[in-house]
Amino acid sequence: MKMEDMEKIKTLLIAKKPLTWIFTGDSITHGALHTYGWRSFSEHFSERIRFEMGRGLDYVINTGISGNSTSEVLQSFERRVSQLKPDVVFLMIGTNDSVAGMDGVNTYESNLSKLVDLIRQSDAIPVLNTPNPILSEVGTGGANRACLSEYVRVMRKVAEQKNIILIDHWKHWETIKPGKDSMMEWLADSIHPNLYGHIEIAKEIFKALEIYDTNSPTCKLFVP
């Protein structure tokens, strides 16, 4: 199914029919405040798709809401996803769920599984995105989310079980920015990506969908 979904997306991108791309999740997807006026990753995606790739009639809609967990996304799913009749839905969620600690892992897994099923029932292709790593040491804003890595593990598990596309930003960040000091180059605080972090998330999405182009102004975007 994962390979089939990738092939479907490639086919959709070749066809002339306008597409609807939905990005939903929490504050990281919302892109509010911590971007300080710079583009969020969904906005970079819109630039790549609608301008650079000439798909001006495509909709790129961000329905992420700051502070949300899987429970809120489930409760408002019709409003923020299904009524918009999406072709592809990008879901990044779990950072706020992890406040519940290990006691919330099973609920998160159940909710995430339901969300994937609902996306399928909406005749859309689900694309799961792991959250970025956070700084969870005592004294940081992420201290109450110290179990987030376990929630990321669950997202990987759900993606594997349901054989769907997973873009593993957590793994990428830990590979490229393994230490606290280096990771802060991509973070606005202990949790939220800054402008550089959002650019990096967008690039990973481009690469996963095979629309990354080194000649593209968006793909090669660099802010000194």
N, C-alpha and C. Protein backbone atom coordinates (compact mmCIF):
# COMPACT_ATOMS: atom_id res chain seq x y z
N MET A 1 0.82 -1.21 0.00
CA MET A 1 0.00 0.00 0.00
C MET A 1 0.86 1.27 0.00
N LYS A 2 1.97 1.24 0.78
CA LYS A 2 2.84 2.41 0.84
C LYS A 2 3.37 2.77 -0.54
N MET A 3 3.87 1.77 -1.27
CA MET A 3 4.39 2.01 -2.61
C MET A 3 3.27 2.42 -3.55
N GLU A 4 2.10 1.82 -3.36
CA GLU A 4 0.95 2.19 -4.18
C GLU A 4 0.58 3.66 -3.95
N ASP A 5 0.63 4.07 -2.68
CA ASP A 5 0.31 5.47 -2.36
C ASP A 5 1.31 6.42 -3.00
N MET A 6 2.60 6.05 -2.97
CA MET A 6 3.61 6.90 -3.59
C MET A 6 3.38 7.01 -5.09
N GLU A 7 3.05 5.90 -5.70
CA GLU A 7 2.78 5.91 -7.15
C GLU A 7 1.54 6.73 -7.47
N LYS A 8 0.53 6.66 -6.58
CA LYS A 8 -0.69 7.45 -6.79
C LYS A 8 -0.37 8.94 -6.73
N ILE A 9 0.46 9.33 -5.76
CA ILE A 9 0.82 10.74 -5.64
C ILE A 9 1.58 11.20 -6.88
N LYS A 10 2.50 10.37 -7.36
CA LYS A 10 3.25 10.72 -8.57
C LYS A 10 2.30 10.89 -9.75
N THR A 11 1.33 9.99 -9.86
CA THR A 11 0.35 10.06 -10.94
C THR A 11 -0.50 11.31 -10.82
N LEU A 12 -0.92 11.63 -9.60
CA LEU A 12 -1.73 12.83 -9.37
C LEU A 12 -0.96 14.09 -9.76
N LEU A 13 0.33 14.10 -9.49
CA LEU A 13 1.15 15.27 -9.80
C LEU A 13 1.36 15.45 -11.30
N ILE A 14 1.33 14.34 -12.03
CA ILE A 14 1.50 14.41 -13.48
C ILE A 14 0.20 14.88 -14.15
N ALA A 15 -0.92 14.44 -13.59
CA ALA A 15 -2.23 14.79 -14.16
C ALA A 15 -2.52 16.28 -13.99
N LYS A 16 -3.44 16.78 -14.79
CA LYS A 16 -3.76 18.21 -14.76
C LYS A 16 -4.86 18.54 -13.76
N LYS A 17 -5.56 17.54 -13.25
CA LYS A 17 -6.66 17.79 -12.31
C LYS A 17 -6.13 18.46 -11.05
N PRO A 18 -6.73 19.59 -10.64
CA PRO A 18 -6.30 20.26 -9.41
C PRO A 18 -6.46 19.36 -8.18
N LEU A 19 -5.51 19.47 -7.28
CA LEU A 19 -5.50 18.63 -6.08
C LEU A 19 -5.71 19.47 -4.83
N THR A 20 -6.14 18.80 -3.78
CA THR A 20 -6.27 19.43 -2.47
C THR A 20 -5.35 18.72 -1.49
N TRP A 21 -4.41 19.47 -0.96
CA TRP A 21 -3.42 18.96 -0.01
C TRP A 21 -3.74 19.54 1.36
N ILE A 22 -3.94 18.67 2.35
CA ILE A 22 -4.24 19.13 3.70
C ILE A 22 -3.06 18.84 4.63
N PHE A 23 -2.69 19.84 5.41
CA PHE A 23 -1.71 19.67 6.48
C PHE A 23 -2.46 19.89 7.79
N THR A 24 -2.43 18.90 8.68
CA THR A 24 -3.12 19.08 9.95
C THR A 24 -2.26 18.55 11.09
N GLY A 25 -2.57 19.01 12.29
CA GLY A 25 -1.78 18.62 13.44
C GLY A 25 -1.84 19.66 14.54
N ASP A 26 -0.70 19.91 15.18
CA ASP A 26 -0.64 20.82 16.33
C ASP A 26 0.10 22.11 15.98
N SER A 27 0.74 22.72 16.96
CA SER A 27 1.39 24.02 16.74
C SER A 27 2.54 23.96 15.75
N ILE A 28 3.18 22.81 15.64
CA ILE A 28 4.30 22.70 14.70
C ILE A 28 3.79 22.83 13.27
N THR A 29 2.66 22.21 12.99
CA THR A 29 2.03 22.35 11.68
C THR A 29 1.40 23.74 11.53
N HIS A 30 0.74 24.19 12.59
CA HIS A 30 0.10 25.52 12.59
C HIS A 30 1.12 26.58 12.17
N GLY A 31 2.33 26.48 12.70
CA GLY A 31 3.39 27.42 12.33
C GLY A 31 3.21 28.81 12.90
N ALA A 32 2.43 28.92 13.97
CA ALA A 32 2.17 30.23 14.57
C ALA A 32 3.27 30.61 15.56
N LEU A 33 3.45 31.91 15.74
CA LEU A 33 4.32 32.51 16.74
C LEU A 33 5.81 32.19 16.56
N HIS A 34 6.16 30.91 16.63
CA HIS A 34 7.57 30.53 16.69
C HIS A 34 8.31 30.66 15.36
N THR A 35 7.57 30.96 14.29
CA THR A 35 8.21 31.21 13.00
C THR A 35 8.60 32.68 12.84
N TYR A 36 8.06 33.52 13.72
CA TYR A 36 8.37 34.96 13.72
C TYR A 36 8.25 35.59 12.34
N GLY A 37 7.18 35.23 11.65
CA GLY A 37 6.89 35.84 10.36
C GLY A 37 7.47 35.10 9.16
N TRP A 38 8.36 34.14 9.40
CA TRP A 38 8.90 33.34 8.30
C TRP A 38 7.90 32.25 7.93
N ARG A 39 8.09 31.64 6.78
CA ARG A 39 7.16 30.62 6.31
C ARG A 39 7.24 29.34 7.13
N SER A 40 6.07 28.72 7.31
CA SER A 40 6.01 27.39 7.91
C SER A 40 6.25 26.36 6.81
N PHE A 41 6.40 25.09 7.21
CA PHE A 41 6.72 24.07 6.19
C PHE A 41 5.59 23.88 5.18
N SER A 42 4.33 24.06 5.60
CA SER A 42 3.24 23.93 4.64
C SER A 42 3.25 25.08 3.63
N GLU A 43 3.71 26.24 4.06
CA GLU A 43 3.81 27.38 3.14
C GLU A 43 4.93 27.17 2.13
N HIS A 44 6.02 26.59 2.57
CA HIS A 44 7.09 26.23 1.61
C HIS A 44 6.56 25.21 0.60
N PHE A 45 5.76 24.26 1.10
CA PHE A 45 5.17 23.24 0.22
C PHE A 45 4.28 23.91 -0.82
N SER A 46 3.47 24.87 -0.38
CA SER A 46 2.58 25.58 -1.29
C SER A 46 3.38 26.31 -2.37
N GLU A 47 4.47 26.94 -1.99
CA GLU A 47 5.33 27.63 -2.95
C GLU A 47 5.88 26.65 -3.99
N ARG A 48 6.31 25.49 -3.52
CA ARG A 48 6.89 24.49 -4.42
C ARG A 48 5.83 23.95 -5.38
N ILE A 49 4.67 23.60 -4.85
CA ILE A 49 3.62 22.97 -5.65
C ILE A 49 2.91 23.97 -6.56
N ARG A 50 2.40 25.04 -5.97
CA ARG A 50 1.51 25.94 -6.70
C ARG A 50 2.24 26.90 -7.63
N PHE A 51 3.46 27.28 -7.26
CA PHE A 51 4.21 28.21 -8.11
C PHE A 51 5.26 27.49 -8.94
N GLU A 52 6.22 26.89 -8.29
CA GLU A 52 7.35 26.31 -9.02
C GLU A 52 6.94 25.15 -9.92
N MET A 53 5.99 24.35 -9.47
CA MET A 53 5.56 23.21 -10.28
C MET A 53 4.35 23.54 -11.15
N GLY A 54 3.92 24.80 -11.10
CA GLY A 54 2.87 25.27 -12.00
C GLY A 54 1.49 24.73 -11.72
N ARG A 55 1.23 24.33 -10.47
CA ARG A 55 -0.08 23.79 -10.12
C ARG A 55 -0.88 24.85 -9.34
N GLY A 56 -1.09 25.98 -9.99
CA GLY A 56 -1.72 27.12 -9.33
C GLY A 56 -3.13 26.89 -8.84
N LEU A 57 -3.84 25.92 -9.43
CA LEU A 57 -5.21 25.65 -9.01
C LEU A 57 -5.30 24.64 -7.87
N ASP A 58 -4.17 24.09 -7.47
CA ASP A 58 -4.16 23.20 -6.30
C ASP A 58 -4.47 24.00 -5.04
N TYR A 59 -5.13 23.36 -4.09
CA TYR A 59 -5.32 23.94 -2.76
C TYR A 59 -4.29 23.33 -1.82
N VAL A 60 -3.61 24.16 -1.07
CA VAL A 60 -2.75 23.70 0.02
C VAL A 60 -3.30 24.34 1.29
N ILE A 61 -3.92 23.54 2.13
CA ILE A 61 -4.66 24.06 3.28
C ILE A 61 -4.05 23.56 4.58
N ASN A 62 -3.77 24.48 5.47
CA ASN A 62 -3.20 24.14 6.78
C ASN A 62 -4.29 24.25 7.84
N THR A 63 -4.67 23.13 8.45
CA THR A 63 -5.68 23.14 9.51
C THR A 63 -5.09 22.73 10.85
N GLY A 64 -3.77 22.84 10.97
CA GLY A 64 -3.13 22.58 12.25
C GLY A 64 -3.56 23.62 13.28
N ILE A 65 -3.70 23.19 14.53
CA ILE A 65 -4.11 24.10 15.61
C ILE A 65 -3.17 23.94 16.79
N SER A 66 -2.62 25.05 17.22
CA SER A 66 -1.70 25.05 18.35
C SER A 66 -2.35 24.45 19.59
N GLY A 67 -1.62 23.57 20.26
CA GLY A 67 -2.10 22.96 21.49
C GLY A 67 -2.87 21.67 21.30
N ASN A 68 -3.12 21.29 20.05
CA ASN A 68 -3.94 20.11 19.79
C ASN A 68 -3.19 18.80 19.99
N SER A 69 -3.97 17.77 20.32
CA SER A 69 -3.49 16.39 20.38
C SER A 69 -4.33 15.58 19.41
N THR A 70 -4.11 14.28 19.37
CA THR A 70 -4.91 13.43 18.48
C THR A 70 -6.40 13.52 18.81
N SER A 71 -6.72 13.71 20.09
CA SER A 71 -8.13 13.77 20.50
C SER A 71 -8.85 14.93 19.83
N GLU A 72 -8.22 16.12 19.81
CA GLU A 72 -8.84 17.28 19.19
C GLU A 72 -8.95 17.11 17.67
N VAL A 73 -7.95 16.51 17.07
CA VAL A 73 -8.01 16.29 15.62
C VAL A 73 -9.16 15.35 15.29
N LEU A 74 -9.35 14.33 16.09
CA LEU A 74 -10.47 13.41 15.90
C LEU A 74 -11.81 14.13 16.04
N GLN A 75 -11.92 14.94 17.08
CA GLN A 75 -13.18 15.63 17.35
C GLN A 75 -13.57 16.59 16.25
N SER A 76 -12.59 17.19 15.60
CA SER A 76 -12.86 18.20 14.58
C SER A 76 -12.50 17.71 13.18
N PHE A 77 -12.43 16.40 13.00
CA PHE A 77 -11.93 15.84 11.75
C PHE A 77 -12.76 16.27 10.54
N GLU A 78 -14.08 16.28 10.69
CA GLU A 78 -14.92 16.66 9.56
C GLU A 78 -14.63 18.09 9.12
N ARG A 79 -14.51 18.97 10.08
CA ARG A 79 -14.29 20.39 9.78
C ARG A 79 -12.92 20.63 9.14
N ARG A 80 -11.91 19.99 9.67
CA ARG A 80 -10.54 20.32 9.24
C ARG A 80 -9.97 19.38 8.19
N VAL A 81 -10.69 18.29 7.89
CA VAL A 81 -10.18 17.36 6.88
C VAL A 81 -11.26 16.93 5.88
N SER A 82 -12.22 16.13 6.32
CA SER A 82 -13.10 15.43 5.37
C SER A 82 -13.96 16.36 4.53
N GLN A 83 -14.48 17.45 5.10
CA GLN A 83 -15.34 18.33 4.32
C GLN A 83 -14.58 19.06 3.21
N LEU A 84 -13.26 19.07 3.32
CA LEU A 84 -12.42 19.74 2.33
C LEU A 84 -12.08 18.84 1.14
N LYS A 85 -12.53 17.59 1.22
CA LYS A 85 -12.35 16.61 0.14
C LYS A 85 -10.89 16.53 -0.34
N PRO A 86 -10.00 16.19 0.57
CA PRO A 86 -8.57 16.18 0.22
C PRO A 86 -8.17 15.01 -0.65
N ASP A 87 -7.08 15.19 -1.37
CA ASP A 87 -6.45 14.10 -2.10
C ASP A 87 -5.33 13.49 -1.27
N VAL A 88 -4.61 14.34 -0.55
CA VAL A 88 -3.50 13.89 0.30
C VAL A 88 -3.58 14.64 1.63
N VAL A 89 -3.38 13.90 2.73
CA VAL A 89 -3.41 14.51 4.06
C VAL A 89 -2.10 14.23 4.78
N PHE A 90 -1.40 15.30 5.14
CA PHE A 90 -0.18 15.19 5.93
C PHE A 90 -0.54 15.39 7.40
N LEU A 91 -0.20 14.43 8.23
CA LEU A 91 -0.52 14.51 9.66
C LEU A 91 0.75 14.43 10.49
N MET A 92 1.03 15.49 11.24
CA MET A 92 2.12 15.49 12.22
C MET A 92 1.49 15.76 13.58
N ILE A 93 1.54 14.78 14.48
CA ILE A 93 0.85 14.90 15.76
C ILE A 93 1.52 13.99 16.79
N GLY A 94 1.45 14.40 18.04
CA GLY A 94 2.02 13.57 19.10
C GLY A 94 2.75 14.35 20.17
N THR A 95 3.22 15.54 19.82
CA THR A 95 4.00 16.33 20.78
C THR A 95 3.17 16.69 22.01
N ASN A 96 1.91 17.07 21.80
CA ASN A 96 1.05 17.39 22.94
C ASN A 96 0.47 16.15 23.60
N ASP A 97 0.25 15.10 22.83
CA ASP A 97 -0.20 13.83 23.41
C ASP A 97 0.79 13.35 24.46
N SER A 98 2.08 13.60 24.21
CA SER A 98 3.12 13.04 25.08
C SER A 98 3.14 13.65 26.48
N VAL A 99 2.40 14.74 26.68
CA VAL A 99 2.29 15.31 28.03
C VAL A 99 1.67 14.29 28.99
N ALA A 100 0.87 13.37 28.45
CA ALA A 100 0.24 12.33 29.28
C ALA A 100 1.23 11.26 29.71
N GLY A 101 2.45 11.32 29.23
CA GLY A 101 3.46 10.34 29.62
C GLY A 101 3.17 8.95 29.08
N MET A 102 3.73 7.95 29.71
CA MET A 102 3.54 6.57 29.26
C MET A 102 2.09 6.13 29.39
N ASP A 103 1.34 6.75 30.30
CA ASP A 103 -0.07 6.39 30.48
C ASP A 103 -0.91 6.73 29.25
N GLY A 104 -0.43 7.64 28.41
CA GLY A 104 -1.21 8.06 27.26
C GLY A 104 -0.85 7.38 25.96
N VAL A 105 0.14 6.50 26.00
CA VAL A 105 0.64 5.88 24.77
C VAL A 105 -0.43 5.06 24.06
N ASN A 106 -1.16 4.25 24.81
CA ASN A 106 -2.19 3.40 24.19
C ASN A 106 -3.30 4.23 23.56
N THR A 107 -3.70 5.29 24.24
CA THR A 107 -4.73 6.18 23.69
C THR A 107 -4.24 6.82 22.41
N TYR A 108 -2.99 7.25 22.42
CA TYR A 108 -2.40 7.86 21.23
C TYR A 108 -2.39 6.88 20.06
N GLU A 109 -2.00 5.66 20.32
CA GLU A 109 -1.95 4.65 19.25
C GLU A 109 -3.34 4.41 18.68
N SER A 110 -4.34 4.30 19.57
CA SER A 110 -5.72 4.09 19.12
C SER A 110 -6.22 5.27 18.31
N ASN A 111 -5.99 6.48 18.81
CA ASN A 111 -6.44 7.69 18.10
C ASN A 111 -5.76 7.85 16.75
N LEU A 112 -4.47 7.59 16.72
CA LEU A 112 -3.71 7.73 15.47
C LEU A 112 -4.21 6.74 14.43
N SER A 113 -4.47 5.53 14.88
CA SER A 113 -5.00 4.50 13.98
C SER A 113 -6.36 4.91 13.42
N LYS A 114 -7.21 5.48 14.27
CA LYS A 114 -8.53 5.95 13.83
C LYS A 114 -8.39 7.07 12.82
N LEU A 115 -7.45 7.97 13.06
CA LEU A 115 -7.26 9.09 12.13
C LEU A 115 -6.82 8.61 10.75
N VAL A 116 -5.92 7.64 10.73
CA VAL A 116 -5.49 7.08 9.45
C VAL A 116 -6.68 6.45 8.72
N ASP A 117 -7.50 5.72 9.46
CA ASP A 117 -8.68 5.09 8.86
C ASP A 117 -9.65 6.14 8.32
N LEU A 118 -9.84 7.22 9.07
CA LEU A 118 -10.74 8.28 8.63
C LEU A 118 -10.22 8.97 7.37
N ILE A 119 -8.92 9.14 7.30
CA ILE A 119 -8.33 9.74 6.09
C ILE A 119 -8.59 8.83 4.89
N ARG A 120 -8.40 7.54 5.08
CA ARG A 120 -8.68 6.58 4.01
C ARG A 120 -10.16 6.63 3.60
N GLN A 121 -11.03 6.71 4.60
CA GLN A 121 -12.47 6.76 4.32
C GLN A 121 -12.86 8.04 3.58
N SER A 122 -12.01 9.05 3.67
CA SER A 122 -12.24 10.30 2.95
C SER A 122 -11.69 10.24 1.53
N ASP A 123 -11.25 9.04 1.13
CA ASP A 123 -10.67 8.81 -0.20
C ASP A 123 -9.40 9.64 -0.42
N ALA A 124 -8.66 9.83 0.67
CA ALA A 124 -7.40 10.57 0.59
C ALA A 124 -6.23 9.66 0.96
N ILE A 125 -5.06 10.08 0.58
CA ILE A 125 -3.83 9.34 0.90
C ILE A 125 -3.24 9.92 2.19
N PRO A 126 -3.08 9.10 3.24
CA PRO A 126 -2.47 9.60 4.47
C PRO A 126 -0.95 9.60 4.38
N VAL A 127 -0.34 10.66 4.89
CA VAL A 127 1.12 10.73 4.98
C VAL A 127 1.46 11.13 6.42
N LEU A 128 1.96 10.18 7.20
CA LEU A 128 2.32 10.46 8.58
C LEU A 128 3.69 11.12 8.64
N ASN A 129 3.82 12.09 9.52
CA ASN A 129 5.08 12.80 9.75
C ASN A 129 5.41 12.74 11.23
N THR A 130 6.54 12.17 11.59
CA THR A 130 6.92 12.18 13.00
C THR A 130 7.24 13.61 13.41
N PRO A 131 6.94 13.95 14.67
CA PRO A 131 7.35 15.27 15.16
C PRO A 131 8.87 15.38 15.16
N ASN A 132 9.35 16.60 15.21
CA ASN A 132 10.79 16.81 15.37
C ASN A 132 11.19 16.52 16.82
N PRO A 133 12.45 16.20 17.07
CA PRO A 133 12.91 16.02 18.45
C PRO A 133 12.79 17.32 19.23
N ILE A 134 12.69 17.19 20.54
CA ILE A 134 12.61 18.36 21.41
C ILE A 134 13.69 18.27 22.48
N LEU A 135 13.88 19.34 23.22
CA LEU A 135 14.79 19.33 24.37
C LEU A 135 13.93 19.10 25.61
N SER A 136 14.09 17.95 26.23
CA SER A 136 13.20 17.56 27.33
C SER A 136 13.88 17.49 28.68
N GLU A 137 15.07 18.09 28.78
CA GLU A 137 15.76 18.08 30.06
C GLU A 137 14.99 18.89 31.10
N VAL A 138 15.20 18.56 32.37
CA VAL A 138 14.57 19.31 33.46
C VAL A 138 14.95 20.79 33.33
N GLY A 139 13.94 21.63 33.42
CA GLY A 139 14.20 23.07 33.31
C GLY A 139 13.90 23.62 31.93
N THR A 140 13.65 22.75 30.96
CA THR A 140 13.29 23.20 29.62
C THR A 140 11.78 23.12 29.45
N GLY A 141 11.27 23.81 28.42
CA GLY A 141 9.83 23.79 28.16
C GLY A 141 9.32 22.43 27.73
N GLY A 142 10.24 21.56 27.32
CA GLY A 142 9.83 20.23 26.88
C GLY A 142 9.94 19.18 27.96
N ALA A 143 10.21 19.58 29.19
CA ALA A 143 10.42 18.61 30.28
C ALA A 143 9.20 17.74 30.53
N ASN A 144 8.00 18.29 30.29
CA ASN A 144 6.78 17.50 30.50
C ASN A 144 6.43 16.64 29.30
N ARG A 145 7.34 16.58 28.33
CA ARG A 145 7.14 15.75 27.14
C ARG A 145 8.31 14.78 26.96
N ALA A 146 8.88 14.36 28.06
CA ALA A 146 10.08 13.51 28.02
C ALA A 146 9.84 12.17 27.36
N CYS A 147 8.57 11.76 27.25
CA CYS A 147 8.23 10.46 26.64
C CYS A 147 7.94 10.57 25.15
N LEU A 148 8.19 11.72 24.55
CA LEU A 148 7.82 11.91 23.14
C LEU A 148 8.44 10.86 22.23
N SER A 149 9.64 10.43 22.53
CA SER A 149 10.28 9.42 21.67
C SER A 149 9.47 8.14 21.61
N GLU A 150 8.75 7.81 22.69
CA GLU A 150 7.90 6.62 22.70
C GLU A 150 6.70 6.82 21.78
N TYR A 151 6.18 8.03 21.72
CA TYR A 151 5.06 8.33 20.84
C TYR A 151 5.51 8.28 19.37
N VAL A 152 6.72 8.71 19.13
CA VAL A 152 7.29 8.60 17.78
C VAL A 152 7.42 7.13 17.39
N ARG A 153 7.85 6.31 18.34
CA ARG A 153 7.95 4.86 18.08
C ARG A 153 6.58 4.30 17.70
N VAL A 154 5.54 4.76 18.38
CA VAL A 154 4.18 4.29 18.09
C VAL A 154 3.75 4.73 16.70
N MET A 155 4.08 5.95 16.31
CA MET A 155 3.72 6.41 14.96
C MET A 155 4.40 5.53 13.91
N ARG A 156 5.65 5.21 14.14
CA ARG A 156 6.35 4.32 13.20
C ARG A 156 5.66 2.96 13.14
N LYS A 157 5.23 2.48 14.29
CA LYS A 157 4.55 1.19 14.37
C LYS A 157 3.24 1.21 13.59
N VAL A 158 2.44 2.26 13.78
CA VAL A 158 1.17 2.39 13.08
C VAL A 158 1.40 2.48 11.57
N ALA A 159 2.40 3.24 11.17
CA ALA A 159 2.71 3.38 9.74
C ALA A 159 3.09 2.04 9.13
N GLU A 160 3.86 1.26 9.88
CA GLU A 160 4.28 -0.05 9.38
C GLU A 160 3.10 -1.02 9.33
N GLN A 161 2.29 -1.03 10.38
CA GLN A 161 1.15 -1.94 10.43
C GLN A 161 0.15 -1.64 9.32
N LYS A 162 -0.07 -0.36 9.05
CA LYS A 162 -1.05 0.03 8.05
C LYS A 162 -0.41 0.25 6.68
N ASN A 163 0.91 0.06 6.62
CA ASN A 163 1.66 0.13 5.36
C ASN A 163 1.41 1.46 4.64
N ILE A 164 1.64 2.55 5.37
CA ILE A 164 1.41 3.88 4.80
C ILE A 164 2.71 4.69 4.82
N ILE A 165 2.71 5.77 4.09
CA ILE A 165 3.90 6.61 3.98
C ILE A 165 4.21 7.26 5.32
N LEU A 166 5.47 7.19 5.71
CA LEU A 166 5.95 7.84 6.93
C LEU A 166 7.17 8.68 6.58
N ILE A 167 7.14 9.95 6.95
CA ILE A 167 8.31 10.82 6.80
C ILE A 167 8.87 11.03 8.20
N ASP A 168 10.06 10.51 8.43
CA ASP A 168 10.61 10.45 9.78
C ASP A 168 11.52 11.65 10.06
N HIS A 169 10.90 12.77 10.41
CA HIS A 169 11.67 13.97 10.73
C HIS A 169 12.50 13.79 12.00
N TRP A 170 11.96 13.04 12.95
CA TRP A 170 12.69 12.78 14.20
C TRP A 170 14.06 12.16 13.90
N LYS A 171 14.04 11.12 13.10
CA LYS A 171 15.28 10.42 12.75
C LYS A 171 16.23 11.35 12.00
N HIS A 172 15.69 12.13 11.07
CA HIS A 172 16.52 13.04 10.27
C HIS A 172 17.18 14.08 11.16
N TRP A 173 16.41 14.68 12.04
CA TRP A 173 16.97 15.71 12.93
C TRP A 173 18.04 15.12 13.84
N GLU A 174 17.78 13.94 14.40
CA GLU A 174 18.75 13.34 15.31
C GLU A 174 20.04 12.95 14.57
N THR A 175 19.92 12.69 13.28
CA THR A 175 21.09 12.34 12.48
C THR A 175 21.92 13.58 12.13
N ILE A 176 21.23 14.65 11.72
CA ILE A 176 21.92 15.86 11.27
C ILE A 176 22.28 16.79 12.43
N LYS A 177 21.42 16.85 13.43
CA LYS A 177 21.63 17.73 14.58
C LYS A 177 21.57 16.92 15.87
N PRO A 178 22.56 16.08 16.12
CA PRO A 178 22.50 15.13 17.23
C PRO A 178 22.64 15.73 18.63
N GLY A 179 23.26 16.87 18.77
CA GLY A 179 23.49 17.45 20.09
C GLY A 179 22.56 18.60 20.39
N LYS A 180 22.44 18.94 21.65
CA LYS A 180 21.55 20.02 22.08
C LYS A 180 21.90 21.33 21.39
N ASP A 181 23.17 21.69 21.38
CA ASP A 181 23.57 22.97 20.79
C ASP A 181 23.28 23.02 19.29
N SER A 182 23.57 21.94 18.60
CA SER A 182 23.33 21.93 17.15
C SER A 182 21.83 21.90 16.85
N MET A 183 21.05 21.18 17.68
CA MET A 183 19.61 21.11 17.44
C MET A 183 18.95 22.46 17.64
N MET A 184 19.48 23.27 18.54
CA MET A 184 18.91 24.59 18.79
C MET A 184 19.01 25.50 17.57
N GLU A 185 19.85 25.13 16.62
CA GLU A 185 19.94 25.90 15.38
C GLU A 185 18.64 25.79 14.58
N TRP A 186 17.88 24.73 14.82
CA TRP A 186 16.63 24.50 14.10
C TRP A 186 15.40 24.74 14.97
N LEU A 187 15.60 25.10 16.23
CA LEU A 187 14.49 25.29 17.16
C LEU A 187 14.35 26.74 17.59
N ALA A 188 13.09 27.18 17.78
CA ALA A 188 12.83 28.52 18.30
C ALA A 188 12.83 28.51 19.82
N ASP A 189 12.49 27.37 20.40
CA ASP A 189 12.53 27.14 21.84
C ASP A 189 12.88 25.68 22.03
N SER A 190 12.47 25.08 23.12
CA SER A 190 12.82 23.67 23.33
C SER A 190 11.93 22.71 22.55
N ILE A 191 10.88 23.21 21.90
CA ILE A 191 9.89 22.34 21.23
C ILE A 191 9.68 22.69 19.76
N HIS A 192 9.50 23.97 19.47
CA HIS A 192 9.00 24.38 18.16
C HIS A 192 10.12 24.72 17.17
N PRO A 193 9.99 24.26 15.93
CA PRO A 193 10.97 24.60 14.90
C PRO A 193 10.97 26.11 14.61
N ASN A 194 12.14 26.64 14.32
CA ASN A 194 12.23 28.02 13.86
C ASN A 194 12.21 28.03 12.33
N LEU A 195 12.57 29.14 11.73
CA LEU A 195 12.52 29.20 10.27
C LEU A 195 13.38 28.13 9.61
N TYR A 196 14.56 27.83 10.21
CA TYR A 196 15.44 26.81 9.64
C TYR A 196 14.83 25.42 9.79
N GLY A 197 14.21 25.18 10.95
CA GLY A 197 13.57 23.89 11.18
C GLY A 197 12.43 23.64 10.21
N HIS A 198 11.65 24.68 9.93
CA HIS A 198 10.53 24.53 8.99
C HIS A 198 11.04 24.28 7.57
N ILE A 199 12.11 24.96 7.20
CA ILE A 199 12.70 24.70 5.88
C ILE A 199 13.13 23.25 5.79
N GLU A 200 13.74 22.74 6.84
CA GLU A 200 14.24 21.36 6.83
C GLU A 200 13.10 20.36 6.76
N ILE A 201 12.01 20.62 7.48
CA ILE A 201 10.84 19.73 7.41
C ILE A 201 10.28 19.72 5.99
N ALA A 202 10.18 20.89 5.38
CA ALA A 202 9.67 20.98 4.01
C ALA A 202 10.56 20.20 3.04
N LYS A 203 11.86 20.33 3.19
CA LYS A 203 12.78 19.62 2.30
C LYS A 203 12.63 18.11 2.42
N GLU A 204 12.42 17.62 3.63
CA GLU A 204 12.23 16.18 3.81
C GLU A 204 10.94 15.70 3.15
N ILE A 205 9.92 16.53 3.18
CA ILE A 205 8.67 16.18 2.49
C ILE A 205 8.90 16.16 0.98
N PHE A 206 9.60 17.16 0.47
CA PHE A 206 9.90 17.18 -0.97
C PHE A 206 10.66 15.92 -1.39
N LYS A 207 11.65 15.55 -0.60
CA LYS A 207 12.46 14.37 -0.93
C LYS A 207 11.62 13.10 -0.88
N ALA A 208 10.76 12.99 0.13
CA ALA A 208 9.92 11.79 0.26
C ALA A 208 8.98 11.64 -0.93
N LEU A 209 8.46 12.77 -1.42
CA LEU A 209 7.53 12.73 -2.56
C LEU A 209 8.25 12.80 -3.90
N GLU A 210 9.58 12.84 -3.84
CA GLU A 210 10.42 12.90 -5.04
C GLU A 210 10.13 14.13 -5.89
N ILE A 211 9.93 15.27 -5.20
CA ILE A 211 9.76 16.54 -5.91
C ILE A 211 10.86 17.53 -5.48
N TYR A 212 11.92 16.98 -4.90
CA TYR A 212 13.06 17.81 -4.52
C TYR A 212 13.91 18.07 -5.76
N ASP A 213 14.25 19.32 -5.98
CA ASP A 213 15.03 19.71 -7.16
C ASP A 213 16.08 20.72 -6.71
N THR A 214 17.33 20.40 -6.91
CA THR A 214 18.41 21.29 -6.46
C THR A 214 18.41 22.63 -7.18
N ASN A 215 17.71 22.72 -8.30
CA ASN A 215 17.62 23.98 -9.02
C ASN A 215 16.44 24.84 -8.55
N SER A 216 15.60 24.27 -7.69
CA SER A 216 14.43 24.98 -7.20
C SER A 216 14.82 26.00 -6.13
N PRO A 217 14.36 27.24 -6.24
CA PRO A 217 14.63 28.24 -5.20
C PRO A 217 14.14 27.81 -3.83
N THR A 218 13.00 27.11 -3.78
CA THR A 218 12.47 26.66 -2.50
C THR A 218 13.30 25.52 -1.94
N CYS A 219 13.66 24.57 -2.78
CA CYS A 219 14.44 23.42 -2.31
C CYS A 219 15.84 23.80 -1.86
N LYS A 220 16.42 24.78 -2.51
CA LYS A 220 17.79 25.17 -2.16
C LYS A 220 17.81 26.42 -1.26
N LEU A 221 16.63 26.77 -0.74
CA LEU A 221 16.52 27.97 0.10
C LEU A 221 17.50 27.94 1.26
N PHE A 222 18.23 29.02 1.39
CA PHE A 222 19.18 29.15 2.49
C PHE A 222 19.07 30.55 3.07
N VAL A 223 18.92 30.62 4.38
CA VAL A 223 18.85 31.91 5.08
C VAL A 223 20.10 32.03 5.94
N PRO A 224 21.00 32.95 5.64
CA PRO A 224 22.26 33.07 6.40
C PRO A 224 22.02 33.57 7.83
